[in-house]
Amino acid sequence: MKPIIQIEYCPKCGWMLRSAYMAQEILNTFVDEIKGVMLVPSETGGKFTIKINEESIFDRAKMDRFPEIKELKKLIRDVVNPDKSLGHTDR
């Protein structure tokens, strides 16, 4: 079964557009490997986490930053299809 990527973000912090951009990049890159991306407005202020099937792969609070798109794609690839080439992103 294909995994679902979940991006939980703080709407009060104005992070919805950032989340939507990341979702678009994920969907374009992993069109055959994932079932979809779900954007979840958080009730907790300052929250920004990314999960694959409920397993956290990135937490802004722990990392004290947002993920770079290249980094995010590698994190997802390592879970959903470790053999997938990400082209220039792998370099």
N, C-alpha and C. Protein backbone atom coordinates (compact mmCIF):
# COMPACT_ATOMS: atom_id res chain seq x y z
N MET A 1 0.83 -1.18 0.00
CA MET A 1 0.00 0.00 0.00
C MET A 1 0.89 1.26 0.00
N LYS A 2 0.52 2.22 -0.81
CA LYS A 2 1.29 3.45 -0.93
C LYS A 2 1.09 4.32 0.32
N PRO A 3 2.16 4.96 0.78
CA PRO A 3 2.05 5.79 1.97
C PRO A 3 1.41 7.15 1.71
N ILE A 4 0.91 7.74 2.79
CA ILE A 4 0.38 9.10 2.77
C ILE A 4 1.35 9.99 3.54
N ILE A 5 1.72 11.09 2.93
CA ILE A 5 2.58 12.08 3.58
C ILE A 5 1.67 13.09 4.27
N GLN A 6 1.97 13.39 5.52
CA GLN A 6 1.17 14.36 6.28
C GLN A 6 2.05 15.53 6.68
N ILE A 7 1.61 16.73 6.32
CA ILE A 7 2.30 17.94 6.73
C ILE A 7 1.38 18.68 7.70
N GLU A 8 1.80 18.75 8.96
CA GLU A 8 1.03 19.49 9.96
C GLU A 8 1.72 20.83 10.19
N TYR A 9 0.97 21.89 10.05
CA TYR A 9 1.54 23.23 10.08
C TYR A 9 0.70 24.16 10.95
N CYS A 10 1.31 25.23 11.41
CA CYS A 10 0.63 26.23 12.22
C CYS A 10 0.01 27.29 11.29
N PRO A 11 -1.32 27.33 11.19
CA PRO A 11 -1.95 28.34 10.33
C PRO A 11 -1.80 29.76 10.88
N LYS A 12 -1.70 29.89 12.19
CA LYS A 12 -1.54 31.22 12.80
C LYS A 12 -0.18 31.82 12.49
N CYS A 13 0.79 30.95 12.20
CA CYS A 13 2.14 31.41 11.85
C CYS A 13 2.26 31.76 10.37
N GLY A 14 1.21 31.46 9.60
CA GLY A 14 1.23 31.76 8.17
C GLY A 14 2.00 30.74 7.35
N TRP A 15 2.02 29.50 7.79
CA TRP A 15 2.81 28.47 7.12
C TRP A 15 2.02 27.62 6.14
N MET A 16 0.79 28.00 5.83
CA MET A 16 -0.01 27.21 4.90
C MET A 16 0.60 27.22 3.49
N LEU A 17 1.03 28.36 3.01
CA LEU A 17 1.61 28.43 1.66
C LEU A 17 2.90 27.61 1.56
N ARG A 18 3.71 27.67 2.59
CA ARG A 18 4.94 26.87 2.63
C ARG A 18 4.58 25.38 2.55
N SER A 19 3.57 24.99 3.31
CA SER A 19 3.12 23.59 3.32
C SER A 19 2.58 23.18 1.95
N ALA A 20 1.81 24.04 1.32
CA ALA A 20 1.24 23.74 0.00
C ALA A 20 2.34 23.60 -1.05
N TYR A 21 3.36 24.47 -0.96
CA TYR A 21 4.49 24.38 -1.89
C TYR A 21 5.22 23.05 -1.72
N MET A 22 5.46 22.67 -0.46
CA MET A 22 6.14 21.40 -0.21
C MET A 22 5.29 20.23 -0.70
N ALA A 23 3.99 20.29 -0.50
CA ALA A 23 3.10 19.24 -0.98
C ALA A 23 3.18 19.11 -2.49
N GLN A 24 3.20 20.23 -3.19
CA GLN A 24 3.31 20.22 -4.65
C GLN A 24 4.61 19.57 -5.10
N GLU A 25 5.71 19.91 -4.47
CA GLU A 25 7.00 19.33 -4.81
C GLU A 25 7.02 17.82 -4.55
N ILE A 26 6.43 17.41 -3.43
CA ILE A 26 6.37 15.99 -3.08
C ILE A 26 5.54 15.23 -4.11
N LEU A 27 4.37 15.77 -4.44
CA LEU A 27 3.48 15.10 -5.40
C LEU A 27 4.12 15.00 -6.78
N ASN A 28 4.83 16.03 -7.21
CA ASN A 28 5.50 15.99 -8.52
C ASN A 28 6.62 14.97 -8.55
N THR A 29 7.35 14.84 -7.45
CA THR A 29 8.51 13.96 -7.41
C THR A 29 8.13 12.50 -7.18
N PHE A 30 7.11 12.27 -6.36
CA PHE A 30 6.77 10.90 -5.96
C PHE A 30 5.40 10.47 -6.45
N VAL A 31 5.05 10.85 -7.65
CA VAL A 31 3.73 10.58 -8.22
C VAL A 31 3.39 9.10 -8.22
N ASP A 32 4.34 8.23 -8.43
CA ASP A 32 4.08 6.79 -8.49
C ASP A 32 4.28 6.07 -7.15
N GLU A 33 4.93 6.74 -6.19
CA GLU A 33 5.30 6.08 -4.94
C GLU A 33 4.38 6.36 -3.75
N ILE A 34 3.58 7.43 -3.83
CA ILE A 34 2.75 7.78 -2.68
C ILE A 34 1.27 7.87 -3.06
N LYS A 35 0.43 7.70 -2.07
CA LYS A 35 -1.01 7.81 -2.29
C LYS A 35 -1.44 9.27 -2.33
N GLY A 36 -0.78 10.12 -1.54
CA GLY A 36 -1.13 11.53 -1.52
C GLY A 36 -0.42 12.28 -0.41
N VAL A 37 -0.71 13.58 -0.36
CA VAL A 37 -0.18 14.45 0.69
C VAL A 37 -1.36 15.12 1.37
N MET A 38 -1.35 15.09 2.69
CA MET A 38 -2.43 15.68 3.46
C MET A 38 -1.89 16.88 4.25
N LEU A 39 -2.54 18.02 4.08
CA LEU A 39 -2.18 19.22 4.86
C LEU A 39 -3.10 19.29 6.07
N VAL A 40 -2.50 19.40 7.25
CA VAL A 40 -3.26 19.39 8.49
C VAL A 40 -2.96 20.66 9.28
N PRO A 41 -3.93 21.58 9.41
CA PRO A 41 -3.72 22.75 10.25
C PRO A 41 -3.62 22.32 11.71
N SER A 42 -2.56 22.74 12.37
CA SER A 42 -2.32 22.34 13.75
C SER A 42 -3.06 23.25 14.72
N GLU A 43 -3.46 22.70 15.82
CA GLU A 43 -4.04 23.50 16.90
C GLU A 43 -2.96 23.95 17.86
N THR A 44 -1.73 23.47 17.66
CA THR A 44 -0.59 23.84 18.48
C THR A 44 0.22 24.91 17.76
N GLY A 45 0.40 26.05 18.39
CA GLY A 45 1.15 27.15 17.79
C GLY A 45 2.60 26.76 17.50
N GLY A 46 3.08 27.18 16.34
CA GLY A 46 4.47 26.96 15.95
C GLY A 46 4.80 25.57 15.45
N LYS A 47 3.80 24.71 15.31
CA LYS A 47 4.06 23.33 14.91
C LYS A 47 4.24 23.21 13.41
N PHE A 48 5.25 22.44 13.02
CA PHE A 48 5.48 22.11 11.62
C PHE A 48 6.17 20.75 11.60
N THR A 49 5.41 19.71 11.29
CA THR A 49 5.96 18.36 11.24
C THR A 49 5.57 17.69 9.93
N ILE A 50 6.42 16.76 9.51
CA ILE A 50 6.14 15.97 8.31
C ILE A 50 6.25 14.51 8.71
N LYS A 51 5.21 13.75 8.36
CA LYS A 51 5.15 12.34 8.70
C LYS A 51 4.84 11.51 7.46
N ILE A 52 5.31 10.27 7.50
CA ILE A 52 4.95 9.28 6.49
C ILE A 52 4.24 8.17 7.26
N ASN A 53 2.95 7.99 6.96
CA ASN A 53 2.15 6.98 7.68
C ASN A 53 2.34 7.09 9.19
N GLU A 54 2.22 8.29 9.71
CA GLU A 54 2.29 8.56 11.15
C GLU A 54 3.70 8.50 11.74
N GLU A 55 4.72 8.20 10.94
CA GLU A 55 6.10 8.19 11.43
C GLU A 55 6.75 9.53 11.08
N SER A 56 7.20 10.23 12.09
CA SER A 56 7.79 11.55 11.89
C SER A 56 9.12 11.45 11.16
N ILE A 57 9.27 12.26 10.11
CA ILE A 57 10.56 12.33 9.41
C ILE A 57 11.18 13.70 9.54
N PHE A 58 10.37 14.72 9.96
CA PHE A 58 10.92 16.06 10.17
C PHE A 58 10.05 16.80 11.18
N ASP A 59 10.70 17.46 12.13
CA ASP A 59 10.02 18.25 13.14
C ASP A 59 10.76 19.58 13.29
N ARG A 60 10.11 20.66 12.91
CA ARG A 60 10.74 21.98 12.96
C ARG A 60 11.22 22.33 14.38
N ALA A 61 10.46 21.95 15.38
CA ALA A 61 10.83 22.27 16.76
C ALA A 61 12.14 21.59 17.15
N LYS A 62 12.33 20.36 16.73
CA LYS A 62 13.56 19.63 17.06
C LYS A 62 14.75 20.12 16.24
N MET A 63 14.49 20.47 14.98
CA MET A 63 15.59 20.89 14.09
C MET A 63 15.86 22.39 14.15
N ASP A 64 14.91 23.14 14.70
CA ASP A 64 15.02 24.60 14.81
C ASP A 64 15.13 25.29 13.43
N ARG A 65 14.45 24.69 12.45
CA ARG A 65 14.45 25.22 11.08
C ARG A 65 13.44 24.45 10.26
N PHE A 66 13.18 24.93 9.06
CA PHE A 66 12.34 24.21 8.10
C PHE A 66 13.25 23.36 7.22
N PRO A 67 12.71 22.28 6.64
CA PRO A 67 13.54 21.47 5.74
C PRO A 67 13.73 22.16 4.39
N GLU A 68 14.90 21.96 3.83
CA GLU A 68 15.12 22.37 2.44
C GLU A 68 14.39 21.34 1.57
N ILE A 69 13.95 21.76 0.40
CA ILE A 69 13.22 20.84 -0.48
C ILE A 69 14.07 19.62 -0.85
N LYS A 70 15.35 19.84 -1.17
CA LYS A 70 16.23 18.72 -1.50
C LYS A 70 16.31 17.73 -0.35
N GLU A 71 16.47 18.26 0.85
CA GLU A 71 16.55 17.43 2.05
C GLU A 71 15.26 16.65 2.25
N LEU A 72 14.13 17.32 2.10
CA LEU A 72 12.83 16.69 2.28
C LEU A 72 12.62 15.55 1.28
N LYS A 73 12.97 15.79 0.04
CA LYS A 73 12.82 14.75 -0.98
C LYS A 73 13.68 13.53 -0.66
N LYS A 74 14.89 13.76 -0.17
CA LYS A 74 15.77 12.64 0.20
C LYS A 74 15.20 11.86 1.39
N LEU A 75 14.66 12.58 2.37
CA LEU A 75 14.07 11.92 3.54
C LEU A 75 12.89 11.03 3.12
N ILE A 76 12.05 11.55 2.24
CA ILE A 76 10.89 10.80 1.76
C ILE A 76 11.34 9.63 0.90
N ARG A 77 12.25 9.88 -0.02
CA ARG A 77 12.76 8.83 -0.90
C ARG A 77 13.33 7.66 -0.10
N ASP A 78 14.08 7.96 0.96
CA ASP A 78 14.71 6.92 1.77
C ASP A 78 13.68 5.99 2.41
N VAL A 79 12.45 6.46 2.57
CA VAL A 79 11.39 5.63 3.15
C VAL A 79 10.55 4.96 2.08
N VAL A 80 10.13 5.71 1.07
CA VAL A 80 9.16 5.17 0.11
C VAL A 80 9.78 4.40 -1.05
N ASN A 81 11.01 4.75 -1.45
CA ASN A 81 11.66 4.06 -2.56
C ASN A 81 13.16 4.37 -2.54
N PRO A 82 13.91 3.69 -1.68
CA PRO A 82 15.35 3.99 -1.53
C PRO A 82 16.17 3.91 -2.81
N ASP A 83 15.69 3.16 -3.80
CA ASP A 83 16.44 3.01 -5.06
C ASP A 83 16.13 4.10 -6.08
N LYS A 84 15.16 4.96 -5.78
CA LYS A 84 14.76 6.01 -6.72
C LYS A 84 15.85 7.06 -6.86
N SER A 85 16.17 7.41 -8.08
CA SER A 85 17.10 8.50 -8.35
C SER A 85 16.34 9.82 -8.31
N LEU A 86 16.93 10.78 -7.64
CA LEU A 86 16.34 12.11 -7.60
C LEU A 86 17.05 13.07 -8.55
N GLY A 87 17.80 12.52 -9.47
CA GLY A 87 18.48 13.33 -10.47
C GLY A 87 19.45 14.32 -9.84
N HIS A 88 19.34 15.58 -10.20
CA HIS A 88 20.26 16.61 -9.71
C HIS A 88 20.17 16.80 -8.20
N THR A 89 19.07 16.41 -7.58
CA THR A 89 18.92 16.54 -6.14
C THR A 89 19.88 15.64 -5.39
N ASP A 90 20.26 14.52 -6.00
CA ASP A 90 21.20 13.59 -5.37
C ASP A 90 22.65 14.09 -5.41
N ARG A 91 22.92 15.05 -6.25
CA ARG A 91 24.30 15.53 -6.38
C ARG A 91 24.65 16.53 -5.33
